[in-house]
Amino acid sequence: MKVIEEMISVLERPVKHELYFNNFFASYDLLEKLSDKMIRATGTIRNSRARKLPIMPVDEVKKKYRGFFDHVCNST
């Protein structure tokens, strides 16, 4: 989280930007924190960091066709 927080601290108007990052940085808590600051963000989240998300269990996803994915959006 600190890396992302440092990155947005240098932006004059962070609400005018949208952040994209990979699963090394992304977590539900980080996305929630950015949303509270009105900063839009998109990222892939590791299974171990997705405990609070209402998504399909990994075992069910593995049974689907190749390329299948599940997603969650807070619509803001």
N, C-alpha and C. Protein backbone atom coordinates (compact mmCIF):
# COMPACT_ATOMS: atom_id res chain seq x y z
N MET A 1 0.81 -1.19 0.00
CA MET A 1 0.00 0.00 0.00
C MET A 1 0.86 1.26 0.00
N LYS A 2 1.97 1.20 0.69
CA LYS A 2 2.80 2.40 0.80
C LYS A 2 3.34 2.86 -0.55
N VAL A 3 3.68 1.92 -1.42
CA VAL A 3 4.19 2.29 -2.75
C VAL A 3 3.12 3.06 -3.52
N ILE A 4 1.90 2.57 -3.49
CA ILE A 4 0.81 3.23 -4.20
C ILE A 4 0.51 4.59 -3.56
N GLU A 5 0.51 4.65 -2.24
CA GLU A 5 0.25 5.92 -1.55
C GLU A 5 1.31 6.96 -1.90
N GLU A 6 2.58 6.54 -1.97
CA GLU A 6 3.65 7.47 -2.37
C GLU A 6 3.45 7.93 -3.81
N MET A 7 3.05 7.01 -4.66
CA MET A 7 2.85 7.35 -6.07
C MET A 7 1.75 8.39 -6.23
N ILE A 8 0.64 8.24 -5.52
CA ILE A 8 -0.45 9.21 -5.68
C ILE A 8 -0.19 10.51 -4.94
N SER A 9 0.75 10.51 -4.00
CA SER A 9 1.03 11.74 -3.24
C SER A 9 1.64 12.84 -4.11
N VAL A 10 2.27 12.47 -5.22
CA VAL A 10 2.89 13.48 -6.09
C VAL A 10 1.92 14.03 -7.14
N LEU A 11 0.74 13.45 -7.23
CA LEU A 11 -0.24 13.93 -8.20
C LEU A 11 -0.96 15.15 -7.66
N GLU A 12 -1.09 16.18 -8.50
CA GLU A 12 -1.79 17.38 -8.06
C GLU A 12 -3.26 17.10 -7.78
N ARG A 13 -3.90 16.39 -8.70
CA ARG A 13 -5.32 16.08 -8.57
C ARG A 13 -5.53 14.58 -8.82
N PRO A 14 -5.33 13.76 -7.80
CA PRO A 14 -5.43 12.31 -7.98
C PRO A 14 -6.78 11.83 -8.52
N VAL A 15 -7.85 12.57 -8.25
CA VAL A 15 -9.17 12.14 -8.73
C VAL A 15 -9.29 12.22 -10.25
N LYS A 16 -8.35 12.88 -10.90
CA LYS A 16 -8.35 12.98 -12.36
C LYS A 16 -7.61 11.81 -13.01
N HIS A 17 -7.14 10.87 -12.22
CA HIS A 17 -6.35 9.75 -12.73
C HIS A 17 -7.04 8.42 -12.41
N GLU A 18 -6.66 7.40 -13.15
CA GLU A 18 -7.10 6.03 -12.84
C GLU A 18 -5.87 5.16 -12.75
N LEU A 19 -5.78 4.36 -11.71
CA LEU A 19 -4.62 3.51 -11.49
C LEU A 19 -4.89 2.09 -11.96
N TYR A 20 -3.89 1.48 -12.56
CA TYR A 20 -3.93 0.08 -12.98
C TYR A 20 -2.70 -0.60 -12.39
N PHE A 21 -2.87 -1.73 -11.74
CA PHE A 21 -1.71 -2.43 -11.21
C PHE A 21 -1.96 -3.93 -11.16
N ASN A 22 -0.84 -4.67 -11.06
CA ASN A 22 -0.93 -6.13 -11.09
C ASN A 22 -1.13 -6.69 -9.68
N ASN A 23 -1.14 -8.01 -9.59
CA ASN A 23 -1.45 -8.65 -8.31
C ASN A 23 -0.35 -8.52 -7.25
N PHE A 24 0.80 -7.99 -7.62
CA PHE A 24 1.84 -7.76 -6.62
C PHE A 24 1.42 -6.66 -5.65
N PHE A 25 0.71 -5.65 -6.16
CA PHE A 25 0.30 -4.50 -5.34
C PHE A 25 -1.16 -4.57 -4.91
N ALA A 26 -2.01 -5.16 -5.70
CA ALA A 26 -3.46 -5.06 -5.48
C ALA A 26 -3.94 -5.89 -4.30
N SER A 27 -4.88 -5.30 -3.57
CA SER A 27 -5.59 -6.01 -2.51
C SER A 27 -6.95 -5.33 -2.35
N TYR A 28 -7.88 -6.04 -1.76
CA TYR A 28 -9.21 -5.47 -1.54
C TYR A 28 -9.11 -4.22 -0.67
N ASP A 29 -8.30 -4.29 0.38
CA ASP A 29 -8.15 -3.14 1.29
C ASP A 29 -7.60 -1.91 0.56
N LEU A 30 -6.63 -2.11 -0.33
CA LEU A 30 -6.07 -1.00 -1.09
C LEU A 30 -7.12 -0.39 -2.02
N LEU A 31 -7.85 -1.23 -2.73
CA LEU A 31 -8.88 -0.72 -3.64
C LEU A 31 -9.96 0.03 -2.88
N GLU A 32 -10.31 -0.46 -1.70
CA GLU A 32 -11.30 0.22 -0.87
C GLU A 32 -10.78 1.58 -0.39
N LYS A 33 -9.53 1.62 0.01
CA LYS A 33 -8.92 2.86 0.50
C LYS A 33 -8.86 3.91 -0.62
N LEU A 34 -8.49 3.48 -1.82
CA LEU A 34 -8.44 4.40 -2.96
C LEU A 34 -9.84 4.88 -3.32
N SER A 35 -10.81 4.00 -3.25
CA SER A 35 -12.19 4.37 -3.54
C SER A 35 -12.69 5.42 -2.55
N ASP A 36 -12.32 5.28 -1.28
CA ASP A 36 -12.70 6.27 -0.27
C ASP A 36 -12.12 7.65 -0.58
N LYS A 37 -10.96 7.67 -1.26
CA LYS A 37 -10.32 8.93 -1.65
C LYS A 37 -10.78 9.39 -3.03
N MET A 38 -11.79 8.69 -3.59
CA MET A 38 -12.35 9.01 -4.91
C MET A 38 -11.34 8.80 -6.03
N ILE A 39 -10.42 7.86 -5.85
CA ILE A 39 -9.43 7.52 -6.87
C ILE A 39 -9.85 6.20 -7.50
N ARG A 40 -10.01 6.22 -8.82
CA ARG A 40 -10.40 5.01 -9.53
C ARG A 40 -9.19 4.10 -9.71
N ALA A 41 -9.41 2.81 -9.54
CA ALA A 41 -8.30 1.86 -9.66
C ALA A 41 -8.81 0.51 -10.15
N THR A 42 -7.94 -0.18 -10.87
CA THR A 42 -8.23 -1.51 -11.39
C THR A 42 -7.00 -2.38 -11.16
N GLY A 43 -7.21 -3.60 -10.70
CA GLY A 43 -6.08 -4.49 -10.50
C GLY A 43 -6.52 -5.93 -10.36
N THR A 44 -5.61 -6.83 -10.66
CA THR A 44 -5.87 -8.25 -10.42
C THR A 44 -5.45 -8.56 -8.99
N ILE A 45 -6.22 -9.40 -8.34
CA ILE A 45 -5.95 -9.70 -6.93
C ILE A 45 -5.64 -11.18 -6.76
N ARG A 46 -4.61 -11.47 -6.01
CA ARG A 46 -4.24 -12.86 -5.72
C ARG A 46 -5.34 -13.52 -4.89
N ASN A 47 -5.48 -14.82 -5.06
CA ASN A 47 -6.51 -15.57 -4.31
C ASN A 47 -6.38 -15.37 -2.81
N SER A 48 -5.16 -15.31 -2.32
CA SER A 48 -4.94 -15.16 -0.88
C SER A 48 -5.37 -13.79 -0.36
N ARG A 49 -5.56 -12.83 -1.25
CA ARG A 49 -5.97 -11.48 -0.83
C ARG A 49 -7.43 -11.19 -1.18
N ALA A 50 -8.16 -12.19 -1.64
CA ALA A 50 -9.53 -11.98 -2.10
C ALA A 50 -10.57 -12.47 -1.10
N ARG A 51 -10.19 -12.62 0.13
CA ARG A 51 -11.08 -13.22 1.13
C ARG A 51 -12.40 -12.48 1.33
N LYS A 52 -12.44 -11.18 1.16
CA LYS A 52 -13.66 -10.40 1.39
C LYS A 52 -14.52 -10.24 0.13
N LEU A 53 -14.01 -10.68 -0.99
CA LEU A 53 -14.72 -10.46 -2.25
C LEU A 53 -15.76 -11.54 -2.53
N PRO A 54 -16.93 -11.14 -2.99
CA PRO A 54 -17.97 -12.13 -3.33
C PRO A 54 -17.75 -12.72 -4.72
N ILE A 55 -16.68 -13.48 -4.87
CA ILE A 55 -16.38 -14.08 -6.17
C ILE A 55 -16.46 -15.60 -6.09
N MET A 56 -16.49 -16.22 -7.25
CA MET A 56 -16.59 -17.66 -7.36
C MET A 56 -15.33 -18.32 -6.78
N PRO A 57 -15.49 -19.42 -6.04
CA PRO A 57 -14.32 -20.13 -5.50
C PRO A 57 -13.39 -20.62 -6.62
N VAL A 58 -12.11 -20.68 -6.33
CA VAL A 58 -11.10 -21.07 -7.31
C VAL A 58 -11.41 -22.44 -7.92
N ASP A 59 -11.86 -23.38 -7.10
CA ASP A 59 -12.17 -24.72 -7.61
C ASP A 59 -13.24 -24.69 -8.70
N GLU A 60 -14.25 -23.83 -8.54
CA GLU A 60 -15.30 -23.71 -9.55
C GLU A 60 -14.77 -23.05 -10.82
N VAL A 61 -13.93 -22.05 -10.66
CA VAL A 61 -13.36 -21.36 -11.82
C VAL A 61 -12.52 -22.33 -12.65
N LYS A 62 -11.77 -23.20 -11.98
CA LYS A 62 -10.92 -24.17 -12.68
C LYS A 62 -11.73 -25.13 -13.55
N LYS A 63 -12.98 -25.37 -13.20
CA LYS A 63 -13.85 -26.27 -13.97
C LYS A 63 -14.43 -25.60 -15.22
N LYS A 64 -14.33 -24.29 -15.29
CA LYS A 64 -14.88 -23.55 -16.43
C LYS A 64 -13.93 -23.64 -17.61
N TYR A 65 -14.34 -23.06 -18.72
CA TYR A 65 -13.53 -23.07 -19.94
C TYR A 65 -12.29 -22.18 -19.78
N ARG A 66 -11.28 -22.46 -20.58
CA ARG A 66 -10.03 -21.69 -20.56
C ARG A 66 -10.33 -20.22 -20.85
N GLY A 67 -9.79 -19.33 -20.06
CA GLY A 67 -10.00 -17.90 -20.24
C GLY A 67 -11.14 -17.34 -19.41
N PHE A 68 -11.89 -18.20 -18.74
CA PHE A 68 -13.00 -17.75 -17.90
C PHE A 68 -12.46 -16.92 -16.74
N PHE A 69 -13.20 -15.91 -16.33
CA PHE A 69 -12.82 -15.12 -15.17
C PHE A 69 -14.06 -14.64 -14.45
N ASP A 70 -13.91 -14.31 -13.21
CA ASP A 70 -14.97 -13.74 -12.40
C ASP A 70 -14.51 -12.35 -12.01
N HIS A 71 -15.44 -11.44 -11.81
CA HIS A 71 -15.05 -10.07 -11.47
C HIS A 71 -16.05 -9.44 -10.51
N VAL A 72 -15.61 -8.38 -9.87
CA VAL A 72 -16.44 -7.61 -8.96
C VAL A 72 -16.21 -6.14 -9.27
N CYS A 73 -17.27 -5.37 -9.23
CA CYS A 73 -17.17 -3.93 -9.48
C CYS A 73 -18.04 -3.21 -8.46
N ASN A 74 -17.53 -2.09 -7.94
CA ASN A 74 -18.34 -1.35 -6.98
C ASN A 74 -19.16 -0.25 -7.65
N SER A 75 -19.13 -0.17 -8.95
CA SER A 75 -19.89 0.76 -9.80
C SER A 75 -19.75 2.24 -9.45
N THR A 76 -18.56 2.64 -9.03
CA THR A 76 -18.34 4.07 -8.81
C THR A 76 -17.40 4.61 -9.85
